[in-house]
Amino acid sequence: MKKVVVLDYGSGNIHSAVRMLERIGADVELTADPTSVARADGLFVPGVGNFHACAAGLVAAGGRELIAERLTRQAPVLGICVGMQVMFDGSSEPSPSPVDGLGLWHGRVERLDAPVVPHMGWSQLEPAPGSRLFAGVEDERFYFVHSFAAPATVADLNSGARVTLATHGAPFAAAMEQGALSATQFHPEKSGDAGAALLTNWLDTL
């Protein structure tokens, strides 16, 4: 049984992630304890709401250092929704107190260029060639709820990253995979059997 820590840094709405990971057979702990984070087979980084609030909460909980330490050892990390966005340099999302992202991927998160925002509902993707996350679920739909995302141009800024695209008005990065760091803009924990299969694929890499 693989040990997965869901990073508890005050982002909210994380219990559905815990339940889904338990459903697919992971041993799950919700914590920000550095020892637990370091020893886990996988680290799951959630994120809901405003980019800058999530980034500030992550920094306050020591998340920047915890994630960096794991990645230096090639220990897997998976970011979800705003937990994906904070892996980039920053965001144009309005905030009275802007906070930089972790800068693990280059580029900035921008408001979706679409007639209707937020993007809420099920969308099909264009999985990156060789993606491990989407093996066997390349044609499935996944559940999104967001107003901001990394634009598709981040593929040009991050050589070596596998960038899966989706389109809502304009193409955007729906998922990223590079070494031990992976992330999805959609919510696999709310995407039914397809999401369960994707998370199982991630567990299989641990």
Foldseek 3Di string as FASTA:
>chain_A
DFEEEEEDLPQDPCVLVVVLCVVLPYNYDYYLPLVSLQPGQEYEYEHDDDLQVSQVSCVVSVNLVSVVVCVVVLRAYEYEASRVQLCEQAEPPDDPDGDTGSHVAYAYKYFAQAPDPDDFAWFQKQWFPPDLLCVPPNGPIFTAHHGIATAPCSCVRGPQKGFMWTDHNHIGGQKIDHRRYIYGNTDLSPGPPSSSSSVVSNVVVD
